[in-house]
């Protein structure tokens, strides 16, 4: 009935290709969560780098004050722990990609997908 009134309605060409031109297992929510995972890992890595820089500066300006040196060294250890967590998340993402898609790089692709690209 609606076909007779409105005719055939199809999505725009950019959206009919799926998310990022991918259909099936690589498109839709999988592509979206792939982008979210990459963004979270990127932000975490940048945060660790900034912590290294500030902790190094704190060590250089601490002088002989043991409390400031202790705080700065703790910052470095926390940044190292954060990097270990990032590497572990890469490993887990690679394993999940291998198990689900039979490609360890399926989740860790460097290409960021968007609608119509």
N, C-alpha and C. Protein backbone atom coordinates (compact mmCIF):
# COMPACT_ATOMS: atom_id res chain seq x y z
N UNK A 1 0.80 -1.18 0.00
CA UNK A 1 0.00 0.00 0.00
C UNK A 1 0.86 1.26 0.00
N UNK A 2 1.91 1.29 0.86
CA UNK A 2 2.77 2.47 0.91
C UNK A 2 3.59 2.61 -0.37
N UNK A 3 3.93 1.48 -1.00
CA UNK A 3 4.65 1.53 -2.26
C UNK A 3 3.83 2.23 -3.34
N UNK A 4 2.54 2.01 -3.33
CA UNK A 4 1.67 2.64 -4.32
C UNK A 4 1.57 4.14 -4.08
N UNK A 5 1.61 4.55 -2.82
CA UNK A 5 1.48 5.98 -2.50
C UNK A 5 2.81 6.71 -2.68
N UNK A 6 3.88 6.16 -2.08
CA UNK A 6 5.16 6.87 -2.05
C UNK A 6 6.15 6.38 -3.11
N UNK A 7 5.93 5.23 -3.67
CA UNK A 7 6.89 4.66 -4.61
C UNK A 7 8.02 3.95 -3.87
N UNK A 8 9.02 3.50 -4.59
CA UNK A 8 10.16 2.79 -3.99
C UNK A 8 11.09 3.81 -3.34
N UNK A 9 11.37 3.63 -2.09
CA UNK A 9 12.28 4.51 -1.35
C UNK A 9 13.56 3.75 -1.08
N UNK A 10 14.67 4.27 -1.55
CA UNK A 10 15.96 3.64 -1.30
C UNK A 10 16.88 4.64 -0.62
N UNK A 11 17.84 4.15 0.16
CA UNK A 11 18.74 5.06 0.87
C UNK A 11 19.68 5.76 -0.11
N UNK A 12 20.27 6.87 0.32
CA UNK A 12 21.24 7.55 -0.54
C UNK A 12 22.40 6.61 -0.87
N UNK A 13 23.07 6.82 -2.01
CA UNK A 13 24.15 5.92 -2.40
C UNK A 13 25.25 5.77 -1.35
N UNK A 14 25.58 6.84 -0.65
CA UNK A 14 26.64 6.75 0.36
C UNK A 14 26.24 5.84 1.51
N UNK A 15 24.99 5.82 1.88
CA UNK A 15 24.55 4.99 2.99
C UNK A 15 24.21 3.56 2.57
N UNK A 16 23.94 3.35 1.31
CA UNK A 16 23.59 2.00 0.89
C UNK A 16 24.82 1.09 0.83
N UNK A 17 26.00 1.68 0.88
CA UNK A 17 27.22 0.87 0.85
C UNK A 17 27.56 0.30 2.22
N UNK A 18 26.88 0.72 3.24
CA UNK A 18 27.20 0.29 4.59
C UNK A 18 28.15 1.29 5.23
N UNK A 19 28.57 1.00 6.40
CA UNK A 19 29.46 1.90 7.13
C UNK A 19 30.85 1.84 6.52
N UNK A 20 31.30 2.92 5.91
CA UNK A 20 32.62 2.95 5.31
C UNK A 20 32.74 2.10 4.07
N UNK A 21 31.65 1.84 3.39
CA UNK A 21 31.70 1.01 2.20
C UNK A 21 31.79 -0.47 2.51
N UNK A 22 31.68 -0.82 3.77
CA UNK A 22 31.77 -2.22 4.17
C UNK A 22 30.38 -2.74 4.48
N UNK A 23 30.15 -3.96 4.12
CA UNK A 23 28.89 -4.60 4.46
C UNK A 23 29.20 -5.87 5.22
N UNK A 24 28.24 -6.43 5.84
CA UNK A 24 28.43 -7.68 6.56
C UNK A 24 29.17 -7.46 7.86
N UNK A 25 30.14 -8.35 8.16
CA UNK A 25 30.83 -8.33 9.45
C UNK A 25 31.72 -7.11 9.61
N UNK A 26 32.17 -6.47 8.53
CA UNK A 26 33.08 -5.34 8.65
C UNK A 26 32.39 -4.01 8.76
N UNK A 27 31.09 -3.95 8.57
CA UNK A 27 30.40 -2.67 8.58
C UNK A 27 29.51 -2.53 9.79
N UNK A 28 28.73 -1.49 9.79
CA UNK A 28 27.76 -1.28 10.85
C UNK A 28 28.39 -1.06 12.20
N UNK A 29 27.89 -1.77 13.20
CA UNK A 29 28.37 -1.59 14.56
C UNK A 29 29.82 -2.01 14.73
N UNK A 30 30.26 -3.01 13.98
CA UNK A 30 31.64 -3.46 14.10
C UNK A 30 32.59 -2.35 13.67
N UNK A 31 32.30 -1.69 12.57
CA UNK A 31 33.12 -0.57 12.13
C UNK A 31 33.09 0.58 13.10
N UNK A 32 31.93 0.85 13.66
CA UNK A 32 31.80 1.94 14.64
C UNK A 32 32.64 1.64 15.88
N UNK A 33 32.51 0.43 16.43
CA UNK A 33 33.27 0.09 17.62
C UNK A 33 34.76 0.00 17.32
N UNK A 34 35.11 -0.34 16.08
CA UNK A 34 36.50 -0.31 15.66
C UNK A 34 37.05 1.10 15.79
N UNK A 35 36.28 2.08 15.33
CA UNK A 35 36.70 3.48 15.44
C UNK A 35 36.79 3.92 16.90
N UNK A 36 35.84 3.52 17.72
CA UNK A 36 35.86 3.90 19.13
C UNK A 36 37.08 3.31 19.82
N UNK A 37 37.39 2.05 19.53
CA UNK A 37 38.55 1.40 20.12
C UNK A 37 39.84 2.12 19.73
N UNK A 38 39.96 2.47 18.46
CA UNK A 38 41.16 3.19 18.01
C UNK A 38 41.28 4.54 18.69
N UNK A 39 40.17 5.23 18.83
CA UNK A 39 40.20 6.54 19.47
C UNK A 39 40.60 6.43 20.94
N UNK A 40 40.08 5.45 21.64
CA UNK A 40 40.42 5.27 23.05
C UNK A 40 41.90 4.93 23.20
N UNK A 41 42.42 4.07 22.35
CA UNK A 41 43.83 3.70 22.43
C UNK A 41 44.72 4.90 22.10
N UNK A 42 44.33 5.68 21.12
CA UNK A 42 45.10 6.88 20.76
C UNK A 42 45.12 7.88 21.91
N UNK A 43 43.98 8.14 22.52
CA UNK A 43 43.91 9.09 23.63
C UNK A 43 44.73 8.57 24.81
N UNK A 44 44.67 7.28 25.09
CA UNK A 44 45.44 6.72 26.20
C UNK A 44 46.93 6.84 25.95
N UNK A 45 47.37 6.59 24.73
CA UNK A 45 48.79 6.74 24.40
C UNK A 45 49.26 8.18 24.52
N UNK A 46 48.45 9.11 24.04
CA UNK A 46 48.81 10.53 24.17
C UNK A 46 48.85 10.95 25.64
N UNK A 47 47.92 10.45 26.43
CA UNK A 47 47.91 10.76 27.85
C UNK A 47 49.17 10.24 28.54
N UNK A 48 49.60 9.03 28.19
CA UNK A 48 50.82 8.48 28.77
C UNK A 48 52.04 9.31 28.35
N UNK A 49 52.10 9.73 27.09
CA UNK A 49 53.21 10.55 26.63
C UNK A 49 53.26 11.88 27.38
N UNK A 50 52.11 12.51 27.56
CA UNK A 50 52.06 13.78 28.29
C UNK A 50 52.49 13.57 29.74
N UNK A 51 52.08 12.45 30.35
CA UNK A 51 52.52 12.16 31.71
C UNK A 51 54.02 11.97 31.79
N UNK A 52 54.64 11.31 30.80
CA UNK A 52 56.09 11.17 30.78
C UNK A 52 56.77 12.53 30.73
N UNK A 53 56.26 13.41 29.89
CA UNK A 53 56.86 14.73 29.74
C UNK A 53 56.75 15.52 31.04
N UNK A 54 55.57 15.54 31.65
CA UNK A 54 55.40 16.29 32.90
C UNK A 54 56.20 15.67 34.05
N UNK A 55 56.28 14.35 34.09
CA UNK A 55 57.05 13.70 35.15
C UNK A 55 58.54 13.98 34.98
N UNK A 56 59.01 13.97 33.74
CA UNK A 56 60.42 14.31 33.50
C UNK A 56 60.72 15.74 33.91
N UNK A 57 59.82 16.64 33.60
CA UNK A 57 59.99 18.03 34.00
C UNK A 57 59.97 18.15 35.53
N UNK A 58 59.10 17.39 36.18
CA UNK A 58 59.02 17.43 37.65
C UNK A 58 60.31 16.90 38.27
N UNK A 59 60.91 15.88 37.67
CA UNK A 59 62.17 15.35 38.19
C UNK A 59 63.28 16.38 38.02
N UNK A 60 63.30 17.05 36.87
CA UNK A 60 64.35 18.05 36.63
C UNK A 60 64.24 19.23 37.58
N UNK A 61 63.03 19.61 37.93
CA UNK A 61 62.84 20.79 38.79
C UNK A 61 62.71 20.44 40.27
N UNK A 62 62.75 19.15 40.63
CA UNK A 62 62.56 18.76 42.03
C UNK A 62 63.76 19.12 42.90
N UNK A 63 64.92 19.13 42.33
CA UNK A 63 66.11 19.40 43.14
C UNK A 63 66.37 18.23 44.07
N UNK A 64 66.55 18.53 45.34
CA UNK A 64 66.86 17.47 46.31
C UNK A 64 65.67 17.16 47.20
N UNK A 65 64.50 17.56 46.80
CA UNK A 65 63.31 17.29 47.63
C UNK A 65 62.79 15.88 47.34
N UNK A 66 62.89 14.99 48.34
CA UNK A 66 62.50 13.59 48.11
C UNK A 66 61.01 13.41 47.82
N UNK A 67 60.16 14.27 48.38
CA UNK A 67 58.73 14.12 48.15
C UNK A 67 58.38 14.39 46.69
N UNK A 68 58.96 15.43 46.12
CA UNK A 68 58.71 15.74 44.71
C UNK A 68 59.28 14.66 43.79
N UNK A 69 60.46 14.15 44.14
CA UNK A 69 61.04 13.06 43.35
C UNK A 69 60.17 11.81 43.41
N UNK A 70 59.63 11.52 44.56
CA UNK A 70 58.76 10.35 44.72
C UNK A 70 57.49 10.50 43.89
N UNK A 71 56.88 11.70 43.92
CA UNK A 71 55.68 11.91 43.12
C UNK A 71 55.97 11.78 41.63
N UNK A 72 57.10 12.34 41.20
CA UNK A 72 57.45 12.27 39.78
C UNK A 72 57.74 10.83 39.35
N UNK A 73 58.44 10.09 40.19
CA UNK A 73 58.72 8.69 39.82
C UNK A 73 57.45 7.86 39.82
N UNK A 74 56.52 8.17 40.71
CA UNK A 74 55.23 7.48 40.68
C UNK A 74 54.48 7.78 39.39
N UNK A 75 54.56 9.04 38.93
CA UNK A 75 53.92 9.39 37.66
C UNK A 75 54.51 8.58 36.51
N UNK A 76 55.81 8.40 36.53
CA UNK A 76 56.47 7.62 35.46
C UNK A 76 56.00 6.17 35.52
N UNK A 77 55.95 5.60 36.71
CA UNK A 77 55.50 4.21 36.83
C UNK A 77 54.05 4.04 36.40
N UNK A 78 53.22 5.03 36.72
CA UNK A 78 51.82 4.95 36.30
C UNK A 78 51.70 5.08 34.79
N UNK A 79 52.55 5.90 34.18
CA UNK A 79 52.54 6.02 32.72
C UNK A 79 53.00 4.71 32.08
N UNK A 80 54.00 4.08 32.66
CA UNK A 80 54.46 2.78 32.15
C UNK A 80 53.35 1.74 32.28
N UNK A 81 52.68 1.74 33.42
CA UNK A 81 51.56 0.82 33.62
C UNK A 81 50.47 1.07 32.59
N UNK A 82 50.19 2.34 32.30
CA UNK A 82 49.20 2.67 31.28
C UNK A 82 49.60 2.15 29.91
N UNK A 83 50.89 2.28 29.57
CA UNK A 83 51.36 1.76 28.29
C UNK A 83 51.25 0.24 28.22
N UNK A 84 51.52 -0.42 29.35
CA UNK A 84 51.36 -1.88 29.39
C UNK A 84 49.89 -2.25 29.15
N UNK A 85 48.99 -1.49 29.73
CA UNK A 85 47.56 -1.75 29.51
C UNK A 85 47.20 -1.53 28.05
N UNK A 86 47.76 -0.49 27.42
CA UNK A 86 47.49 -0.24 26.01
C UNK A 86 47.99 -1.39 25.15
N UNK A 87 49.20 -1.86 25.41
CA UNK A 87 49.75 -2.99 24.64
C UNK A 87 48.90 -4.24 24.85
N UNK A 88 48.45 -4.45 26.07
CA UNK A 88 47.59 -5.60 26.35
C UNK A 88 46.27 -5.49 25.60
N UNK A 89 45.73 -4.27 25.52
CA UNK A 89 44.48 -4.11 24.78
C UNK A 89 44.69 -4.36 23.28
N UNK A 90 45.84 -3.95 22.74
CA UNK A 90 46.15 -4.27 21.35
C UNK A 90 46.21 -5.78 21.15
N UNK A 91 46.85 -6.47 22.09
CA UNK A 91 46.96 -7.93 21.98
C UNK A 91 45.59 -8.58 22.04
N UNK A 92 44.75 -8.14 22.96
CA UNK A 92 43.40 -8.71 23.07
C UNK A 92 42.59 -8.42 21.82
N UNK A 93 42.69 -7.18 21.30
CA UNK A 93 41.95 -6.83 20.09
C UNK A 93 42.43 -7.68 18.91
N UNK A 94 43.73 -7.94 18.85
CA UNK A 94 44.27 -8.78 17.78
C UNK A 94 43.76 -10.21 17.91
N UNK A 95 43.73 -10.73 19.13
CA UNK A 95 43.23 -12.10 19.33
C UNK A 95 41.75 -12.21 18.99
N UNK A 96 40.97 -11.21 19.40
CA UNK A 96 39.54 -11.24 19.08
C UNK A 96 39.34 -11.14 17.57
N UNK A 97 40.13 -10.29 16.91
CA UNK A 97 40.05 -10.20 15.45
C UNK A 97 40.40 -11.52 14.78
N UNK A 98 41.39 -12.21 15.32
CA UNK A 98 41.78 -13.50 14.74
C UNK A 98 40.68 -14.55 14.96
N UNK A 99 40.10 -14.56 16.15
CA UNK A 99 39.07 -15.56 16.46
C UNK A 99 37.80 -15.29 15.66
N UNK A 100 37.37 -14.03 15.59
CA UNK A 100 36.09 -13.72 14.96
C UNK A 100 36.20 -13.61 13.44
N UNK A 101 37.23 -12.89 12.95
CA UNK A 101 37.33 -12.60 11.52
C UNK A 101 38.43 -13.39 10.80
N UNK A 102 39.20 -14.19 11.52
CA UNK A 102 40.34 -14.92 10.97
C UNK A 102 41.37 -13.97 10.36
N UNK A 103 41.47 -12.79 10.95
CA UNK A 103 42.45 -11.79 10.54
C UNK A 103 42.83 -11.00 11.79
N UNK A 104 44.08 -11.11 12.21
CA UNK A 104 44.48 -10.45 13.45
C UNK A 104 44.47 -8.93 13.35
N UNK A 105 44.43 -8.41 12.16
CA UNK A 105 44.44 -6.97 11.96
C UNK A 105 43.05 -6.41 11.67
N UNK A 106 42.03 -7.22 11.77
CA UNK A 106 40.67 -6.79 11.41
C UNK A 106 40.18 -5.65 12.30
N UNK A 107 40.47 -5.70 13.58
CA UNK A 107 40.02 -4.66 14.49
C UNK A 107 41.04 -3.52 14.54
N UNK A 108 42.29 -3.82 14.26
CA UNK A 108 43.35 -2.82 14.42
C UNK A 108 43.74 -2.13 13.11
N UNK A 109 42.87 -2.16 12.13
CA UNK A 109 43.18 -1.50 10.87
C UNK A 109 43.42 -0.02 11.12
N UNK A 110 44.31 0.58 10.35
CA UNK A 110 44.60 2.00 10.54
C UNK A 110 43.64 2.89 9.79
N UNK A 111 42.81 2.31 8.93
CA UNK A 111 41.85 3.11 8.17
C UNK A 111 40.64 3.40 9.04
N UNK A 112 40.28 4.67 9.14
CA UNK A 112 39.11 5.08 9.90
C UNK A 112 37.95 5.19 8.92
N UNK A 113 36.89 4.46 9.20
CA UNK A 113 35.74 4.43 8.31
C UNK A 113 34.72 5.46 8.73
N UNK A 114 34.00 5.95 7.76
CA UNK A 114 32.90 6.86 8.02
C UNK A 114 31.84 6.61 6.97
N UNK A 115 30.68 7.15 7.14
CA UNK A 115 29.63 6.94 6.15
C UNK A 115 30.05 7.43 4.78
N UNK A 116 29.97 6.56 3.81
CA UNK A 116 30.25 6.91 2.42
C UNK A 116 31.70 6.96 2.03
N UNK A 117 32.63 6.53 2.91
CA UNK A 117 34.05 6.56 2.54
C UNK A 117 34.56 5.18 2.23
